[in-house]
Amino acid sequence: MSNTLLRIYPSELKMPFELRKSNSGCIELVNKTDQRVAFKVKTTNPKKYAVRPTSGIVPPGGSCGITSASTLLH
């Protein structure tokens, strides 16, 4: 039996870089349990990437979308 609480899709988020253009991507968290599961997401470079929501609770059998966006550099 797996001890994984959440399924994360896709498992890797790739955002192509384009000069003077903001890019974004989305991942989905799916709760594989019959209990609520809390999550927290932290970027390694908050000046370049914004993540929303940064934390939350996924209901039993439910899902939550998380968006990551690159910020424009002037």
C-alpha atoms as a PDB file:
ATOM      1  CA  MET A   1       0.000   0.000   0.000  1.00  0.00           C
ATOM      2  CA  SER A   2       1.253   3.477  -0.878  1.00  0.00           C
ATOM      3  CA  ASN A   3       1.682   6.052   1.873  1.00  0.00           C
ATOM      4  CA  THR A   4       1.270   8.940  -0.589  1.00  0.00           C
ATOM      5  CA  LEU A   5      -1.481  11.303   0.528  1.00  0.00           C
ATOM      6  CA  LEU A   6      -1.662  13.464  -2.595  1.00  0.00           C
ATOM      7  CA  ARG A   7      -1.354  12.784  -6.303  1.00  0.00           C
ATOM      8  CA  ILE A   8       0.439  15.654  -8.053  1.00  0.00           C
ATOM      9  CA  TYR A   9      -0.159  16.157 -11.765  1.00  0.00           C
ATOM     10  CA  PRO A  10       1.952  16.863 -13.650  1.00  0.00           C
ATOM     11  CA  SER A  11       4.842  15.680 -11.502  1.00  0.00           C
ATOM     12  CA  GLU A  12       7.100  18.313 -13.074  1.00  0.00           C
ATOM     13  CA  LEU A  13       6.179  21.853 -14.110  1.00  0.00           C
ATOM     14  CA  LYS A  14       8.088  23.338 -17.049  1.00  0.00           C
ATOM     15  CA  MET A  15       7.634  26.949 -18.086  1.00  0.00           C
ATOM     16  CA  PRO A  16       9.499  28.165 -21.179  1.00  0.00           C
ATOM     17  CA  PHE A  17      11.358  31.442 -20.764  1.00  0.00           C
ATOM     18  CA  GLU A  18      10.393  34.335 -23.034  1.00  0.00           C
ATOM     19  CA  LEU A  19      11.912  37.777 -22.632  1.00  0.00           C
ATOM     20  CA  ARG A  20       9.450  40.458 -21.436  1.00  0.00           C
ATOM     21  CA  LYS A  21       6.661  37.926 -21.129  1.00  0.00           C
ATOM     22  CA  SER A  22       5.093  36.386 -18.045  1.00  0.00           C
ATOM     23  CA  ASN A  23       4.573  32.634 -18.206  1.00  0.00           C
ATOM     24  CA  SER A  24       2.487  30.423 -15.982  1.00  0.00           C
ATOM     25  CA  GLY A  25       1.739  26.809 -15.305  1.00  0.00           C
ATOM     26  CA  CYS A  26      -0.687  24.852 -13.191  1.00  0.00           C
ATOM     27  CA  ILE A  27      -0.472  21.679 -11.158  1.00  0.00           C
ATOM     28  CA  GLU A  28      -3.315  19.769  -9.575  1.00  0.00           C
ATOM     29  CA  LEU A  29      -3.244  18.146  -6.147  1.00  0.00           C
ATOM     30  CA  VAL A  30      -5.664  15.238  -5.677  1.00  0.00           C
ATOM     31  CA  ASN A  31      -6.331  13.918  -2.176  1.00  0.00           C
ATOM     32  CA  LYS A  32      -6.150  10.114  -2.272  1.00  0.00           C
ATOM     33  CA  THR A  33      -7.414   9.674   1.292  1.00  0.00           C
ATOM     34  CA  ASP A  34     -10.656   9.885   3.229  1.00  0.00           C
ATOM     35  CA  GLN A  35      -9.173  12.621   5.464  1.00  0.00           C
ATOM     36  CA  ARG A  36      -8.393  16.296   4.864  1.00  0.00           C
ATOM     37  CA  VAL A  37      -4.784  16.931   3.788  1.00  0.00           C
ATOM     38  CA  ALA A  38      -2.965  20.240   4.317  1.00  0.00           C
ATOM     39  CA  PHE A  39      -0.332  21.477   1.880  1.00  0.00           C
ATOM     40  CA  LYS A  40       2.172  24.321   1.646  1.00  0.00           C
ATOM     41  CA  VAL A  41       4.083  25.405  -1.455  1.00  0.00           C
ATOM     42  CA  LYS A  42       7.220  27.506  -1.317  1.00  0.00           C
ATOM     43  CA  THR A  43       9.139  28.881  -4.277  1.00  0.00           C
ATOM     44  CA  THR A  44      12.923  28.865  -4.213  1.00  0.00           C
ATOM     45  CA  ASN A  45      12.972  32.295  -5.867  1.00  0.00           C
ATOM     46  CA  PRO A  46      10.016  34.471  -4.773  1.00  0.00           C
ATOM     47  CA  LYS A  47      11.308  37.501  -6.717  1.00  0.00           C
ATOM     48  CA  LYS A  48      10.952  35.587  -9.999  1.00  0.00           C
ATOM     49  CA  TYR A  49       7.987  33.286  -9.332  1.00  0.00           C
ATOM     50  CA  ALA A  50       4.602  33.762  -7.689  1.00  0.00           C
ATOM     51  CA  VAL A  51       2.643  30.743  -6.433  1.00  0.00           C
ATOM     52  CA  ARG A  52      -1.085  30.799  -5.598  1.00  0.00           C
ATOM     53  CA  PRO A  53      -2.419  29.498  -3.336  1.00  0.00           C
ATOM     54  CA  THR A  54       0.643  29.036  -1.158  1.00  0.00           C
ATOM     55  CA  SER A  55      -1.176  26.778   1.300  1.00  0.00           C
ATOM     56  CA  GLY A  56      -4.508  25.147   1.870  1.00  0.00           C
ATOM     57  CA  ILE A  57      -6.485  22.052   2.743  1.00  0.00           C
ATOM     58  CA  VAL A  58      -7.634  19.503   0.178  1.00  0.00           C
ATOM     59  CA  PRO A  59     -10.885  17.797   1.198  1.00  0.00           C
ATOM     60  CA  PRO A  60     -11.199  13.983   1.209  1.00  0.00           C
ATOM     61  CA  GLY A  61     -11.216  12.775  -2.411  1.00  0.00           C
ATOM     62  CA  GLY A  62     -11.038  16.397  -3.584  1.00  0.00           C
ATOM     63  CA  SER A  63      -8.562  18.384  -5.611  1.00  0.00           C
ATOM     64  CA  CYS A  64      -6.917  21.803  -5.685  1.00  0.00           C
ATOM     65  CA  GLY A  65      -5.211  23.677  -8.507  1.00  0.00           C
ATOM     66  CA  ILE A  66      -1.992  25.595  -7.881  1.00  0.00           C
ATOM     67  CA  THR A  67      -0.740  28.227 -10.317  1.00  0.00           C
ATOM     68  CA  SER A  68       2.877  29.301 -10.644  1.00  0.00           C
ATOM     69  CA  ALA A  69       3.708  32.388 -12.697  1.00  0.00           C
ATOM     70  CA  SER A  70       6.986  34.023 -13.600  1.00  0.00           C
ATOM     71  CA  THR A  71       7.183  37.722 -12.868  1.00  0.00           C
ATOM     72  CA  LEU A  72       8.224  40.198 -15.539  1.00  0.00           C
ATOM     73  CA  LEU A  73      11.766  41.492 -15.276  1.00  0.00           C
ATOM     74  CA  HIS A  74      12.276  45.050 -16.504  1.00  0.00           C
END
